[in-house]
Amino acid sequence: MKRMTNENVAKAWFNGTEAQNHTGSYSTNGRILYSYSTRIGYTTTEGTKVLFDYTASTGNFLSMTTSSKHVYSARSIADMVVNPTVVDNLEKFQ
């Protein structure tokens, strides 16, 4: 897999292609976006790109890298940014 900048990993996720950054800490298989091993974004069956807002302002802070680099780089291209607890609660009922 080709290594690229964080911004290009986010673009690859949006375009549905595999990518990872130079350290391997930020990656996508084209459908799911990962920061380390945490799913921070996914693609719905309709193709909508949903990003989980893992930042301190939502109370879901994971790390400085996840918040300030990985979530930040995908925020402007995601179709929807949601608090991750919303999805966690929905998945409990499925």
C-alpha atoms as a PDB file:
ATOM      1  CA  MET A   1       0.000   0.000   0.000  1.00  0.00           C
ATOM      2  CA  LYS A   2       1.328   3.417  -0.934  1.00  0.00           C
ATOM      3  CA  ARG A   3       2.160   5.733   1.973  1.00  0.00           C
ATOM      4  CA  MET A   4       0.947   9.314   1.784  1.00  0.00           C
ATOM      5  CA  THR A   5       0.108  12.458   3.747  1.00  0.00           C
ATOM      6  CA  ASN A   6      -2.787  12.549   6.209  1.00  0.00           C
ATOM      7  CA  GLU A   7      -4.757  14.757   3.827  1.00  0.00           C
ATOM      8  CA  ASN A   8      -4.318  12.242   1.030  1.00  0.00           C
ATOM      9  CA  VAL A   9      -5.389   9.358   3.277  1.00  0.00           C
ATOM     10  CA  ALA A  10      -8.620  11.260   3.961  1.00  0.00           C
ATOM     11  CA  LYS A  11      -9.086  11.855   0.221  1.00  0.00           C
ATOM     12  CA  ALA A  12      -8.466   8.173  -0.490  1.00  0.00           C
ATOM     13  CA  TRP A  13     -11.186   7.266   2.028  1.00  0.00           C
ATOM     14  CA  PHE A  14     -13.544   9.701   0.323  1.00  0.00           C
ATOM     15  CA  ASN A  15     -12.699   8.174  -3.074  1.00  0.00           C
ATOM     16  CA  GLY A  16     -13.035   4.597  -1.803  1.00  0.00           C
ATOM     17  CA  THR A  17      -9.398   3.532  -2.197  1.00  0.00           C
ATOM     18  CA  GLU A  18      -6.842   2.047   0.213  1.00  0.00           C
ATOM     19  CA  ALA A  19      -4.180   4.251   1.764  1.00  0.00           C
ATOM     20  CA  GLN A  20      -2.080   4.834   4.860  1.00  0.00           C
ATOM     21  CA  ASN A  21       0.149   7.601   6.137  1.00  0.00           C
ATOM     22  CA  HIS A  22       3.931   7.390   6.477  1.00  0.00           C
ATOM     23  CA  THR A  23       3.774   5.880   9.998  1.00  0.00           C
ATOM     24  CA  GLY A  24       0.841   3.559   9.350  1.00  0.00           C
ATOM     25  CA  SER A  25      -1.147   5.170  12.171  1.00  0.00           C
ATOM     26  CA  TYR A  26      -3.824   6.601   9.851  1.00  0.00           C
ATOM     27  CA  SER A  27      -5.320   4.336   7.235  1.00  0.00           C
ATOM     28  CA  THR A  28      -8.327   3.365   5.193  1.00  0.00           C
ATOM     29  CA  ASN A  29      -9.483   0.347   3.263  1.00  0.00           C
ATOM     30  CA  GLY A  30     -11.668   2.700   1.224  1.00  0.00           C
ATOM     31  CA  ARG A  31     -14.761   2.116   3.356  1.00  0.00           C
ATOM     32  CA  ILE A  32     -13.523   2.515   6.938  1.00  0.00           C
ATOM     33  CA  LEU A  33     -11.150   5.201   8.211  1.00  0.00           C
ATOM     34  CA  TYR A  34      -8.847   4.310  11.113  1.00  0.00           C
ATOM     35  CA  SER A  35      -6.727   6.250  13.565  1.00  0.00           C
ATOM     36  CA  TYR A  36      -4.397   3.631  14.974  1.00  0.00           C
ATOM     37  CA  SER A  37      -6.854   0.731  15.415  1.00  0.00           C
ATOM     38  CA  THR A  38      -9.913   2.876  16.188  1.00  0.00           C
ATOM     39  CA  ARG A  39     -12.607   3.307  13.547  1.00  0.00           C
ATOM     40  CA  ILE A  40     -13.036   7.073  13.163  1.00  0.00           C
ATOM     41  CA  GLY A  41     -15.061   7.042   9.968  1.00  0.00           C
ATOM     42  CA  TYR A  42     -17.112   4.754   7.801  1.00  0.00           C
ATOM     43  CA  THR A  43     -19.028   4.655   4.548  1.00  0.00           C
ATOM     44  CA  THR A  44     -22.760   3.936   4.611  1.00  0.00           C
ATOM     45  CA  THR A  45     -24.349   1.560   2.123  1.00  0.00           C
ATOM     46  CA  GLU A  46     -25.506   4.673   0.241  1.00  0.00           C
ATOM     47  CA  GLY A  47     -21.909   5.935  -0.008  1.00  0.00           C
ATOM     48  CA  THR A  48     -22.144   8.681   2.623  1.00  0.00           C
ATOM     49  CA  LYS A  49     -18.846   9.315   4.414  1.00  0.00           C
ATOM     50  CA  VAL A  50     -19.470   9.636   8.170  1.00  0.00           C
ATOM     51  CA  LEU A  51     -16.669  10.908  10.402  1.00  0.00           C
ATOM     52  CA  PHE A  52     -16.718  10.439  14.176  1.00  0.00           C
ATOM     53  CA  ASP A  53     -15.798  13.606  16.043  1.00  0.00           C
ATOM     54  CA  TYR A  54     -13.137  12.253  18.403  1.00  0.00           C
ATOM     55  CA  THR A  55     -12.122  15.643  19.770  1.00  0.00           C
ATOM     56  CA  ALA A  56     -12.005  17.136  23.252  1.00  0.00           C
ATOM     57  CA  SER A  57     -14.952  19.425  22.527  1.00  0.00           C
ATOM     58  CA  THR A  58     -17.279  16.417  22.231  1.00  0.00           C
ATOM     59  CA  GLY A  59     -15.937  14.677  25.313  1.00  0.00           C
ATOM     60  CA  ASN A  60     -14.653  11.797  23.167  1.00  0.00           C
ATOM     61  CA  PHE A  61     -10.978  12.716  23.104  1.00  0.00           C
ATOM     62  CA  LEU A  62      -8.677   9.788  22.246  1.00  0.00           C
ATOM     63  CA  SER A  63      -5.305  11.408  21.602  1.00  0.00           C
ATOM     64  CA  MET A  64      -3.745  14.580  20.254  1.00  0.00           C
ATOM     65  CA  THR A  65      -2.818  12.807  17.022  1.00  0.00           C
ATOM     66  CA  THR A  66      -6.305  11.411  16.458  1.00  0.00           C
ATOM     67  CA  SER A  67      -7.943  14.730  17.250  1.00  0.00           C
ATOM     68  CA  SER A  68      -5.630  17.308  15.731  1.00  0.00           C
ATOM     69  CA  LYS A  69      -4.315  15.358  12.760  1.00  0.00           C
ATOM     70  CA  HIS A  70      -6.533  12.444  11.743  1.00  0.00           C
ATOM     71  CA  VAL A  71     -10.033  13.790  12.497  1.00  0.00           C
ATOM     72  CA  TYR A  72      -8.979  17.266  11.398  1.00  0.00           C
ATOM     73  CA  SER A  73      -7.735  16.086   7.991  1.00  0.00           C
ATOM     74  CA  ALA A  74     -11.010  14.289   7.206  1.00  0.00           C
ATOM     75  CA  ARG A  75     -13.434  16.851   8.642  1.00  0.00           C
ATOM     76  CA  SER A  76     -13.649  19.028   5.519  1.00  0.00           C
ATOM     77  CA  ILE A  77     -14.285  16.143   3.120  1.00  0.00           C
ATOM     78  CA  ALA A  78     -16.671  14.006   5.186  1.00  0.00           C
ATOM     79  CA  ASP A  79     -20.327  14.205   4.240  1.00  0.00           C
ATOM     80  CA  MET A  80     -21.319  14.109   7.894  1.00  0.00           C
ATOM     81  CA  VAL A  81     -19.500  14.601  11.209  1.00  0.00           C
ATOM     82  CA  VAL A  82     -21.167  13.009  14.234  1.00  0.00           C
ATOM     83  CA  ASN A  83     -20.500  12.428  17.887  1.00  0.00           C
ATOM     84  CA  PRO A  84     -19.266   8.806  18.098  1.00  0.00           C
ATOM     85  CA  THR A  85     -21.602   8.029  21.001  1.00  0.00           C
ATOM     86  CA  VAL A  86     -24.575   8.395  18.638  1.00  0.00           C
ATOM     87  CA  VAL A  87     -23.342   5.535  16.466  1.00  0.00           C
ATOM     88  CA  ASP A  88     -22.246   3.458  19.468  1.00  0.00           C
ATOM     89  CA  ASN A  89     -25.770   3.709  20.867  1.00  0.00           C
ATOM     90  CA  LEU A  90     -27.369   2.838  17.521  1.00  0.00           C
ATOM     91  CA  GLU A  91     -25.146  -0.232  17.089  1.00  0.00           C
ATOM     92  CA  LYS A  92     -26.274  -1.576  20.466  1.00  0.00           C
ATOM     93  CA  PHE A  93     -29.798  -1.904  19.046  1.00  0.00           C
ATOM     94  CA  GLN A  94     -28.849  -3.706  15.848  1.00  0.00           C
END
